[in-house]
Amino acid sequence: MVQKDVHDQWLQWMQQTHIPEVMQTGCFTHYQFVKLLDTDETEGLTYATQYFAESKSLYNMYIEKFATLLRNKATQKWGNATIGFRSFMQIIAQ
């Protein structure tokens, strides 16, 4: 969730800074950045970013070498104005 008062700046940062930095790690082949619809936007707007890795070893490499640094950069920049969580998922069907 992203608070409305930082939404525009956060959205620009995600598209121009954060997502490119994650992709530059070389751990992911592509990503999908979406806005959730039909949600209660009283306290903010909700987005999801999915990164796709060819193998669990590439995902593990991202976690071991890059995740902490990139998460810390986000926390330093946005503090409590955003709430995020991470999930590891497997595609069952496309």
PDB file of N, CA and C in Angstrom:
ATOM      1  N   MET A   1       0.839  -1.167   0.000  1.00  0.00           N
ATOM      2  CA  MET A   1       0.000   0.000   0.000  1.00  0.00           C
ATOM      3  C   MET A   1       0.892   1.242   0.000  1.00  0.00           C
ATOM      4  N   VAL A   2       0.492   2.213  -0.760  1.00  0.00           N
ATOM      5  CA  VAL A   2       1.240   3.456  -0.898  1.00  0.00           C
ATOM      6  C   VAL A   2       0.325   4.608  -0.474  1.00  0.00           C
ATOM      7  N   GLN A   3       0.772   5.393   0.487  1.00  0.00           N
ATOM      8  CA  GLN A   3      -0.031   6.529   0.923  1.00  0.00           C
ATOM      9  C   GLN A   3      -0.216   7.515  -0.230  1.00  0.00           C
ATOM     10  N   LYS A   4      -1.397   8.119  -0.265  1.00  0.00           N
ATOM     11  CA  LYS A   4      -1.738   9.006  -1.379  1.00  0.00           C
ATOM     12  C   LYS A   4      -0.816  10.216  -1.491  1.00  0.00           C
ATOM     13  N   ASP A   5      -0.312  10.715  -0.368  1.00  0.00           N
ATOM     14  CA  ASP A   5       0.511  11.926  -0.420  1.00  0.00           C
ATOM     15  C   ASP A   5       1.882  11.710  -1.059  1.00  0.00           C
ATOM     16  N   VAL A   6       2.321  10.456  -1.197  1.00  0.00           N
ATOM     17  CA  VAL A   6       3.604  10.170  -1.861  1.00  0.00           C
ATOM     18  C   VAL A   6       3.416   9.353  -3.131  1.00  0.00           C
ATOM     19  N   HIS A   7       2.177   9.060  -3.464  1.00  0.00           N
ATOM     20  CA  HIS A   7       1.883   8.136  -4.559  1.00  0.00           C
ATOM     21  C   HIS A   7       2.597   8.488  -5.865  1.00  0.00           C
ATOM     22  N   ASP A   8       2.440   9.718  -6.343  1.00  0.00           N
ATOM     23  CA  ASP A   8       3.002  10.075  -7.644  1.00  0.00           C
ATOM     24  C   ASP A   8       4.520   9.948  -7.671  1.00  0.00           C
ATOM     25  N   GLN A   9       5.172  10.402  -6.606  1.00  0.00           N
ATOM     26  CA  GLN A   9       6.635  10.302  -6.534  1.00  0.00           C
ATOM     27  C   GLN A   9       7.072   8.841  -6.431  1.00  0.00           C
ATOM     28  N   TRP A  10       6.347   8.055  -5.636  1.00  0.00           N
ATOM     29  CA  TRP A  10       6.671   6.640  -5.475  1.00  0.00           C
ATOM     30  C   TRP A  10       6.518   5.894  -6.799  1.00  0.00           C
ATOM     31  N   LEU A  11       5.431   6.156  -7.516  1.00  0.00           N
ATOM     32  CA  LEU A  11       5.182   5.490  -8.790  1.00  0.00           C
ATOM     33  C   LEU A  11       6.309   5.784  -9.779  1.00  0.00           C
ATOM     34  N   GLN A  12       6.718   7.024  -9.845  1.00  0.00           N
ATOM     35  CA  GLN A  12       7.836   7.404 -10.719  1.00  0.00           C
ATOM     36  C   GLN A  12       9.120   6.708 -10.284  1.00  0.00           C
ATOM     37  N   TRP A  13       9.387   6.666  -8.984  1.00  0.00           N
ATOM     38  CA  TRP A  13      10.582   6.010  -8.452  1.00  0.00           C
ATOM     39  C   TRP A  13      10.584   4.515  -8.772  1.00  0.00           C
ATOM     40  N   MET A  14       9.429   3.880  -8.631  1.00  0.00           N
ATOM     41  CA  MET A  14       9.340   2.449  -8.947  1.00  0.00           C
ATOM     42  C   MET A  14       9.697   2.204 -10.406  1.00  0.00           C
ATOM     43  N   GLN A  15       9.126   2.986 -11.305  1.00  0.00           N
ATOM     44  CA  GLN A  15       9.316   2.766 -12.728  1.00  0.00           C
ATOM     45  C   GLN A  15      10.690   3.198 -13.227  1.00  0.00           C
ATOM     46  N   GLN A  16      11.238   4.253 -12.661  1.00  0.00           N
ATOM     47  CA  GLN A  16      12.496   4.791 -13.179  1.00  0.00           C
ATOM     48  C   GLN A  16      13.730   4.365 -12.389  1.00  0.00           C
ATOM     49  N   THR A  17      13.536   3.929 -11.136  1.00  0.00           N
ATOM     50  CA  THR A  17      14.692   3.602 -10.305  1.00  0.00           C
ATOM     51  C   THR A  17      14.659   2.170  -9.787  1.00  0.00           C
ATOM     52  N   HIS A  18      13.659   1.852  -8.974  1.00  0.00           N
ATOM     53  CA  HIS A  18      13.674   0.565  -8.275  1.00  0.00           C
ATOM     54  C   HIS A  18      13.582  -0.637  -9.212  1.00  0.00           C
ATOM     55  N   ILE A  19      12.573  -0.677 -10.044  1.00  0.00           N
ATOM     56  CA  ILE A  19      12.430  -1.829 -10.944  1.00  0.00           C
ATOM     57  C   ILE A  19      13.652  -1.977 -11.850  1.00  0.00           C
ATOM     58  N   PRO A  20      14.165  -0.900 -12.458  1.00  0.00           N
ATOM     59  CA  PRO A  20      15.393  -1.059 -13.248  1.00  0.00           C
ATOM     60  C   PRO A  20      16.575  -1.593 -12.423  1.00  0.00           C
ATOM     61  N   GLU A  21      16.702  -1.165 -11.168  1.00  0.00           N
ATOM     62  CA  GLU A  21      17.790  -1.680 -10.330  1.00  0.00           C
ATOM     63  C   GLU A  21      17.630  -3.174 -10.073  1.00  0.00           C
ATOM     64  N   VAL A  22      16.418  -3.606  -9.809  1.00  0.00           N
ATOM     65  CA  VAL A  22      16.188  -5.039  -9.599  1.00  0.00           C
ATOM     66  C   VAL A  22      16.517  -5.812 -10.878  1.00  0.00           C
ATOM     67  N   MET A  23      16.069  -5.317 -12.011  1.00  0.00           N
ATOM     68  CA  MET A  23      16.322  -6.008 -13.269  1.00  0.00           C
ATOM     69  C   MET A  23      17.813  -6.028 -13.633  1.00  0.00           C
ATOM     70  N   GLN A  24      18.537  -4.981 -13.244  1.00  0.00           N
ATOM     71  CA  GLN A  24      19.970  -4.914 -13.547  1.00  0.00           C
ATOM     72  C   GLN A  24      20.789  -5.951 -12.783  1.00  0.00           C
ATOM     73  N   THR A  25      20.202  -6.586 -11.782  1.00  0.00           N
ATOM     74  CA  THR A  25      20.924  -7.637 -11.057  1.00  0.00           C
ATOM     75  C   THR A  25      21.172  -8.849 -11.939  1.00  0.00           C
ATOM     76  N   GLY A  26      20.385  -8.994 -13.000  1.00  0.00           N
ATOM     77  CA  GLY A  26      20.527 -10.134 -13.886  1.00  0.00           C
ATOM     78  C   GLY A  26      19.861 -11.401 -13.368  1.00  0.00           C
ATOM     79  N   CYS A  27      19.149 -11.297 -12.265  1.00  0.00           N
ATOM     80  CA  CYS A  27      18.524 -12.481 -11.660  1.00  0.00           C
ATOM     81  C   CYS A  27      17.150 -12.794 -12.238  1.00  0.00           C
ATOM     82  N   PHE A  28      16.553 -11.828 -12.918  1.00  0.00           N
ATOM     83  CA  PHE A  28      15.190 -11.996 -13.403  1.00  0.00           C
ATOM     84  C   PHE A  28      15.128 -11.765 -14.912  1.00  0.00           C
ATOM     85  N   THR A  29      14.223 -12.485 -15.566  1.00  0.00           N
ATOM     86  CA  THR A  29      14.077 -12.365 -17.015  1.00  0.00           C
ATOM     87  C   THR A  29      13.125 -11.239 -17.395  1.00  0.00           C
ATOM     88  N   HIS A  30      12.091 -11.041 -16.587  1.00  0.00           N
ATOM     89  CA  HIS A  30      11.115  -9.993 -16.848  1.00  0.00           C
ATOM     90  C   HIS A  30      10.312  -9.732 -15.580  1.00  0.00           C
ATOM     91  N   TYR A  31       9.447  -8.745 -15.658  1.00  0.00           N
ATOM     92  CA  TYR A  31       8.630  -8.387 -14.503  1.00  0.00           C
ATOM     93  C   TYR A  31       7.249  -7.953 -14.975  1.00  0.00           C
ATOM     94  N   GLN A  32       6.368  -7.833 -14.001  1.00  0.00           N
ATOM     95  CA  GLN A  32       5.021  -7.326 -14.243  1.00  0.00           C
ATOM     96  C   GLN A  32       4.686  -6.388 -13.088  1.00  0.00           C
ATOM     97  N   PHE A  33       4.263  -5.186 -13.396  1.00  0.00           N
ATOM     98  CA  PHE A  33       3.939  -4.173 -12.388  1.00  0.00           C
ATOM     99  C   PHE A  33       2.483  -3.802 -12.595  1.00  0.00           C
ATOM    100  N   VAL A  34       1.652  -4.073 -11.599  1.00  0.00           N
ATOM    101  CA  VAL A  34       0.207  -3.886 -11.758  1.00  0.00           C
ATOM    102  C   VAL A  34      -0.376  -3.110 -10.586  1.00  0.00           C
ATOM    103  N   LYS A  35      -1.492  -2.448 -10.853  1.00  0.00           N
ATOM    104  CA  LYS A  35      -2.266  -1.769  -9.815  1.00  0.00           C
ATOM    105  C   LYS A  35      -3.469  -2.640  -9.502  1.00  0.00           C
ATOM    106  N   LEU A  36      -3.699  -2.903  -8.232  1.00  0.00           N
ATOM    107  CA  LEU A  36      -4.854  -3.674  -7.833  1.00  0.00           C
ATOM    108  C   LEU A  36      -6.092  -2.799  -7.903  1.00  0.00           C
ATOM    109  N   LEU A  37      -7.128  -3.334  -8.503  1.00  0.00           N
ATOM    110  CA  LEU A  37      -8.396  -2.628  -8.644  1.00  0.00           C
ATOM    111  C   LEU A  37      -9.399  -3.194  -7.645  1.00  0.00           C
ATOM    112  N   ASP A  38     -10.493  -2.508  -7.479  1.00  0.00           N
ATOM    113  CA  ASP A  38     -11.540  -2.953  -6.558  1.00  0.00           C
ATOM    114  C   ASP A  38     -11.002  -3.164  -5.143  1.00  0.00           C
ATOM    115  N   THR A  39     -10.121  -2.261  -4.707  1.00  0.00           N
ATOM    116  CA  THR A  39      -9.609  -2.303  -3.337  1.00  0.00           C
ATOM    117  C   THR A  39     -10.033  -1.036  -2.613  1.00  0.00           C
ATOM    118  N   ASP A  40     -10.041  -1.100  -1.314  1.00  0.00           N
ATOM    119  CA  ASP A  40     -10.350   0.074  -0.501  1.00  0.00           C
ATOM    120  C   ASP A  40      -9.138   1.004  -0.555  1.00  0.00           C
ATOM    121  N   GLU A  41      -9.322   2.178  -1.147  1.00  0.00           N
ATOM    122  CA  GLU A  41      -8.215   3.121  -1.306  1.00  0.00           C
ATOM    123  C   GLU A  41      -8.253   4.233  -0.266  1.00  0.00           C
ATOM    124  N   THR A  42      -8.952   4.012   0.819  1.00  0.00           N
ATOM    125  CA  THR A  42      -9.068   5.014   1.871  1.00  0.00           C
ATOM    126  C   THR A  42      -7.702   5.443   2.395  1.00  0.00           C
ATOM    127  N   GLU A  43      -6.847   4.484   2.649  1.00  0.00           N
ATOM    128  CA  GLU A  43      -5.539   4.792   3.231  1.00  0.00           C
ATOM    129  C   GLU A  43      -4.418   4.824   2.200  1.00  0.00           C
ATOM    130  N   GLY A  44      -4.702   4.390   0.990  1.00  0.00           N
ATOM    131  CA  GLY A  44      -3.678   4.403  -0.035  1.00  0.00           C
ATOM    132  C   GLY A  44      -4.028   3.477  -1.185  1.00  0.00           C
ATOM    133  N   LEU A  45      -3.117   3.425  -2.152  1.00  0.00           N
ATOM    134  CA  LEU A  45      -3.316   2.601  -3.342  1.00  0.00           C
ATOM    135  C   LEU A  45      -2.432   1.364  -3.242  1.00  0.00           C
ATOM    136  N   THR A  46      -2.866   0.297  -3.904  1.00  0.00           N
ATOM    137  CA  THR A  46      -2.158  -0.972  -3.790  1.00  0.00           C
ATOM    138  C   THR A  46      -1.640  -1.422  -5.149  1.00  0.00           C
ATOM    139  N   TYR A  47      -0.378  -1.823  -5.169  1.00  0.00           N
ATOM    140  CA  TYR A  47       0.296  -2.309  -6.374  1.00  0.00           C
ATOM    141  C   TYR A  47       0.955  -3.645  -6.080  1.00  0.00           C
ATOM    142  N   ALA A  48       1.270  -4.356  -7.137  1.00  0.00           N
ATOM    143  CA  ALA A  48       2.038  -5.596  -7.022  1.00  0.00           C
ATOM    144  C   ALA A  48       3.084  -5.616  -8.122  1.00  0.00           C
ATOM    145  N   THR A  49       4.272  -6.048  -7.772  1.00  0.00           N
ATOM    146  CA  THR A  49       5.341  -6.232  -8.745  1.00  0.00           C
ATOM    147  C   THR A  49       5.745  -7.692  -8.692  1.00  0.00           C
ATOM    148  N   GLN A  50       5.710  -8.356  -9.825  1.00  0.00           N
ATOM    149  CA  GLN A  50       6.160  -9.739  -9.912  1.00  0.00           C
ATOM    150  C   GLN A  50       7.424  -9.773 -10.755  1.00  0.00           C
ATOM    151  N   TYR A  51       8.438 -10.435 -10.213  1.00  0.00           N
ATOM    152  CA  TYR A  51       9.685 -10.641 -10.941  1.00  0.00           C
ATOM    153  C   TYR A  51       9.782 -12.124 -11.261  1.00  0.00           C
ATOM    154  N   PHE A  52      10.208 -12.448 -12.480  1.00  0.00           N
ATOM    155  CA  PHE A  52      10.259 -13.827 -12.935  1.00  0.00           C
ATOM    156  C   PHE A  52      11.711 -14.262 -13.101  1.00  0.00           C
ATOM    157  N   ALA A  53      12.061 -15.358 -12.430  1.00  0.00           N
ATOM    158  CA  ALA A  53      13.415 -15.913 -12.507  1.00  0.00           C
ATOM    159  C   ALA A  53      13.362 -17.261 -13.219  1.00  0.00           C
ATOM    160  N   GLU A  54      14.417 -17.584 -13.958  1.00  0.00           N
ATOM    161  CA  GLU A  54      14.462 -18.855 -14.669  1.00  0.00           C
ATOM    162  C   GLU A  54      14.704 -20.035 -13.741  1.00  0.00           C
ATOM    163  N   SER A  55      15.251 -19.770 -12.555  1.00  0.00           N
ATOM    164  CA  SER A  55      15.544 -20.871 -11.637  1.00  0.00           C
ATOM    165  C   SER A  55      15.513 -20.370 -10.196  1.00  0.00           C
ATOM    166  N   LYS A  56      15.356 -21.315  -9.293  1.00  0.00           N
ATOM    167  CA  LYS A  56      15.382 -20.968  -7.877  1.00  0.00           C
ATOM    168  C   LYS A  56      16.777 -20.485  -7.478  1.00  0.00           C
ATOM    169  N   SER A  57      17.799 -21.001  -8.124  1.00  0.00           N
ATOM    170  CA  SER A  57      19.164 -20.564  -7.793  1.00  0.00           C
ATOM    171  C   SER A  57      19.370 -19.086  -8.134  1.00  0.00           C
ATOM    172  N   LEU A  58      18.780 -18.615  -9.224  1.00  0.00           N
ATOM    173  CA  LEU A  58      18.871 -17.187  -9.550  1.00  0.00           C
ATOM    174  C   LEU A  58      18.098 -16.352  -8.528  1.00  0.00           C
ATOM    175  N   TYR A  59      16.941 -16.833  -8.123  1.00  0.00           N
ATOM    176  CA  TYR A  59      16.184 -16.146  -7.072  1.00  0.00           C
ATOM    177  C   TYR A  59      17.004 -16.102  -5.781  1.00  0.00           C
ATOM    178  N   ASN A  60      17.597 -17.236  -5.414  1.00  0.00           N
ATOM    179  CA  ASN A  60      18.421 -17.283  -4.202  1.00  0.00           C
ATOM    180  C   ASN A  60      19.601 -16.326  -4.298  1.00  0.00           C
ATOM    181  N   MET A  61      20.197 -16.226  -5.480  1.00  0.00           N
ATOM    182  CA  MET A  61      21.297 -15.288  -5.665  1.00  0.00           C
ATOM    183  C   MET A  61      20.822 -13.858  -5.418  1.00  0.00           C
ATOM    184  N   TYR A  62      19.634 -13.521  -5.934  1.00  0.00           N
ATOM    185  CA  TYR A  62      19.079 -12.189  -5.694  1.00  0.00           C
ATOM    186  C   TYR A  62      18.909 -11.949  -4.191  1.00  0.00           C
ATOM    187  N   ILE A  63      18.329 -12.904  -3.496  1.00  0.00           N
ATOM    188  CA  ILE A  63      18.096 -12.763  -2.055  1.00  0.00           C
ATOM    189  C   ILE A  63      19.425 -12.583  -1.322  1.00  0.00           C
ATOM    190  N   GLU A  64      20.408 -13.375  -1.659  1.00  0.00           N
ATOM    191  CA  GLU A  64      21.691 -13.347  -0.959  1.00  0.00           C
ATOM    192  C   GLU A  64      22.524 -12.103  -1.258  1.00  0.00           C
ATOM    193  N   LYS A  65      22.512 -11.650  -2.510  1.00  0.00           N
ATOM    194  CA  LYS A  65      23.425 -10.577  -2.911  1.00  0.00           C
ATOM    195  C   LYS A  65      22.792  -9.195  -3.014  1.00  0.00           C
ATOM    196  N   PHE A  66      21.495  -9.120  -3.295  1.00  0.00           N
ATOM    197  CA  PHE A  66      20.913  -7.824  -3.647  1.00  0.00           C
ATOM    198  C   PHE A  66      19.701  -7.384  -2.815  1.00  0.00           C
ATOM    199  N   ALA A  67      18.922  -8.315  -2.332  1.00  0.00           N
ATOM    200  CA  ALA A  67      17.623  -7.985  -1.723  1.00  0.00           C
ATOM    201  C   ALA A  67      17.742  -7.026  -0.541  1.00  0.00           C
ATOM    202  N   THR A  68      18.653  -7.283   0.352  1.00  0.00           N
ATOM    203  CA  THR A  68      18.768  -6.443   1.551  1.00  0.00           C
ATOM    204  C   THR A  68      19.108  -5.006   1.185  1.00  0.00           C
ATOM    205  N   LEU A  69      20.064  -4.811   0.305  1.00  0.00           N
ATOM    206  CA  LEU A  69      20.452  -3.466  -0.115  1.00  0.00           C
ATOM    207  C   LEU A  69      19.276  -2.726  -0.749  1.00  0.00           C
ATOM    208  N   LEU A  70      18.578  -3.379  -1.674  1.00  0.00           N
ATOM    209  CA  LEU A  70      17.484  -2.707  -2.372  1.00  0.00           C
ATOM    210  C   LEU A  70      16.297  -2.446  -1.447  1.00  0.00           C
ATOM    211  N   ARG A  71      16.012  -3.361  -0.537  1.00  0.00           N
ATOM    212  CA  ARG A  71      14.939  -3.134   0.442  1.00  0.00           C
ATOM    213  C   ARG A  71      15.292  -1.982   1.369  1.00  0.00           C
ATOM    214  N   ASN A  72      16.545  -1.923   1.796  1.00  0.00           N
ATOM    215  CA  ASN A  72      16.973  -0.835   2.676  1.00  0.00           C
ATOM    216  C   ASN A  72      16.881   0.519   1.980  1.00  0.00           C
ATOM    217  N   LYS A  73      17.225   0.563   0.706  1.00  0.00           N
ATOM    218  CA  LYS A  73      17.108   1.815  -0.051  1.00  0.00           C
ATOM    219  C   LYS A  73      15.657   2.276  -0.101  1.00  0.00           C
ATOM    220  N   ALA A  74      14.744   1.346  -0.300  1.00  0.00           N
ATOM    221  CA  ALA A  74      13.319   1.683  -0.339  1.00  0.00           C
ATOM    222  C   ALA A  74      12.845   2.184   1.021  1.00  0.00           C
ATOM    223  N   THR A  75      13.267   1.515   2.074  1.00  0.00           N
ATOM    224  CA  THR A  75      12.864   1.922   3.425  1.00  0.00           C
ATOM    225  C   THR A  75      13.417   3.295   3.769  1.00  0.00           C
ATOM    226  N   GLN A  76      14.657   3.549   3.402  1.00  0.00           N
ATOM    227  CA  GLN A  76      15.250   4.866   3.669  1.00  0.00           C
ATOM    228  C   GLN A  76      14.532   5.968   2.918  1.00  0.00           C
ATOM    229  N   LYS A  77      14.113   5.684   1.707  1.00  0.00           N
ATOM    230  CA  LYS A  77      13.464   6.709   0.898  1.00  0.00           C
ATOM    231  C   LYS A  77      12.024   6.944   1.312  1.00  0.00           C
ATOM    232  N   TRP A  78      11.270   5.877   1.610  1.00  0.00           N
ATOM    233  CA  TRP A  78       9.825   6.008   1.815  1.00  0.00           C
ATOM    234  C   TRP A  78       9.372   5.797   3.250  1.00  0.00           C
ATOM    235  N   GLY A  79      10.213   5.243   4.110  1.00  0.00           N
ATOM    236  CA  GLY A  79       9.836   5.048   5.509  1.00  0.00           C
ATOM    237  C   GLY A  79       8.519   4.306   5.645  1.00  0.00           C
ATOM    238  N   ASN A  80       7.606   4.872   6.434  1.00  0.00           N
ATOM    239  CA  ASN A  80       6.309   4.249   6.688  1.00  0.00           C
ATOM    240  C   ASN A  80       5.235   4.650   5.686  1.00  0.00           C
ATOM    241  N   ALA A  81       5.601   5.377   4.641  1.00  0.00           N
ATOM    242  CA  ALA A  81       4.617   5.819   3.648  1.00  0.00           C
ATOM    243  C   ALA A  81       4.208   4.687   2.708  1.00  0.00           C
ATOM    244  N   THR A  82       4.936   3.583   2.758  1.00  0.00           N
ATOM    245  CA  THR A  82       4.580   2.411   1.952  1.00  0.00           C
ATOM    246  C   THR A  82       4.634   1.172   2.835  1.00  0.00           C
ATOM    247  N   ILE A  83       3.831   0.217   2.496  1.00  0.00           N
ATOM    248  CA  ILE A  83       3.852  -1.074   3.176  1.00  0.00           C
ATOM    249  C   ILE A  83       4.036  -2.122   2.096  1.00  0.00           C
ATOM    250  N   GLY A  84       5.019  -2.987   2.278  1.00  0.00           N
ATOM    251  CA  GLY A  84       5.275  -4.010   1.283  1.00  0.00           C
ATOM    252  C   GLY A  84       5.461  -5.369   1.920  1.00  0.00           C
ATOM    253  N   PHE A  85       5.267  -6.384   1.141  1.00  0.00           N
ATOM    254  CA  PHE A  85       5.573  -7.737   1.583  1.00  0.00           C
ATOM    255  C   PHE A  85       6.073  -8.524   0.391  1.00  0.00           C
ATOM    256  N   ARG A  86       6.805  -9.574   0.682  1.00  0.00           N
ATOM    257  CA  ARG A  86       7.382 -10.381  -0.379  1.00  0.00           C
ATOM    258  C   ARG A  86       6.848 -11.794  -0.289  1.00  0.00           C
ATOM    259  N   SER A  87       6.621 -12.409  -1.442  1.00  0.00           N
ATOM    260  CA  SER A  87       6.175 -13.797  -1.525  1.00  0.00           C
ATOM    261  C   SER A  87       6.967 -14.485  -2.626  1.00  0.00           C
ATOM    262  N   PHE A  88       7.231 -15.742  -2.432  1.00  0.00           N
ATOM    263  CA  PHE A  88       7.893 -16.565  -3.439  1.00  0.00           C
ATOM    264  C   PHE A  88       6.821 -17.491  -4.003  1.00  0.00           C
ATOM    265  N   MET A  89       6.587 -17.419  -5.310  1.00  0.00           N
ATOM    266  CA  MET A  89       5.492 -18.173  -5.920  1.00  0.00           C
ATOM    267  C   MET A  89       6.002 -19.037  -7.060  1.00  0.00           C
ATOM    268  N   GLN A  90       5.241 -20.075  -7.363  1.00  0.00           N
ATOM    269  CA  GLN A  90       5.537 -20.955  -8.486  1.00  0.00           C
ATOM    270  C   GLN A  90       4.358 -20.884  -9.457  1.00  0.00           C
ATOM    271  N   ILE A  91       4.651 -20.745 -10.748  1.00  0.00           N
ATOM    272  CA  ILE A  91       3.603 -20.750 -11.765  1.00  0.00           C
ATOM    273  C   ILE A  91       3.148 -22.189 -11.980  1.00  0.00           C
ATOM    274  N   ILE A  92       1.853 -22.410 -11.884  1.00  0.00           N
ATOM    275  CA  ILE A  92       1.292 -23.744 -12.094  1.00  0.00           C
ATOM    276  C   ILE A  92       0.800 -23.893 -13.531  1.00  0.00           C
ATOM    277  N   ALA A  93       0.173 -22.858 -14.057  1.00  0.00           N
ATOM    278  CA  ALA A  93      -0.334 -22.894 -15.425  1.00  0.00           C
ATOM    279  C   ALA A  93      -0.329 -21.482 -15.997  1.00  0.00           C
ATOM    280  N   GLN A  94      -0.202 -21.389 -17.307  1.00  0.00           N
ATOM    281  CA  GLN A  94      -0.251 -20.102 -18.002  1.00  0.00           C
ATOM    282  C   GLN A  94      -1.236 -20.179 -19.130  1.00  0.00           C
TER     283      GLN A  94
END
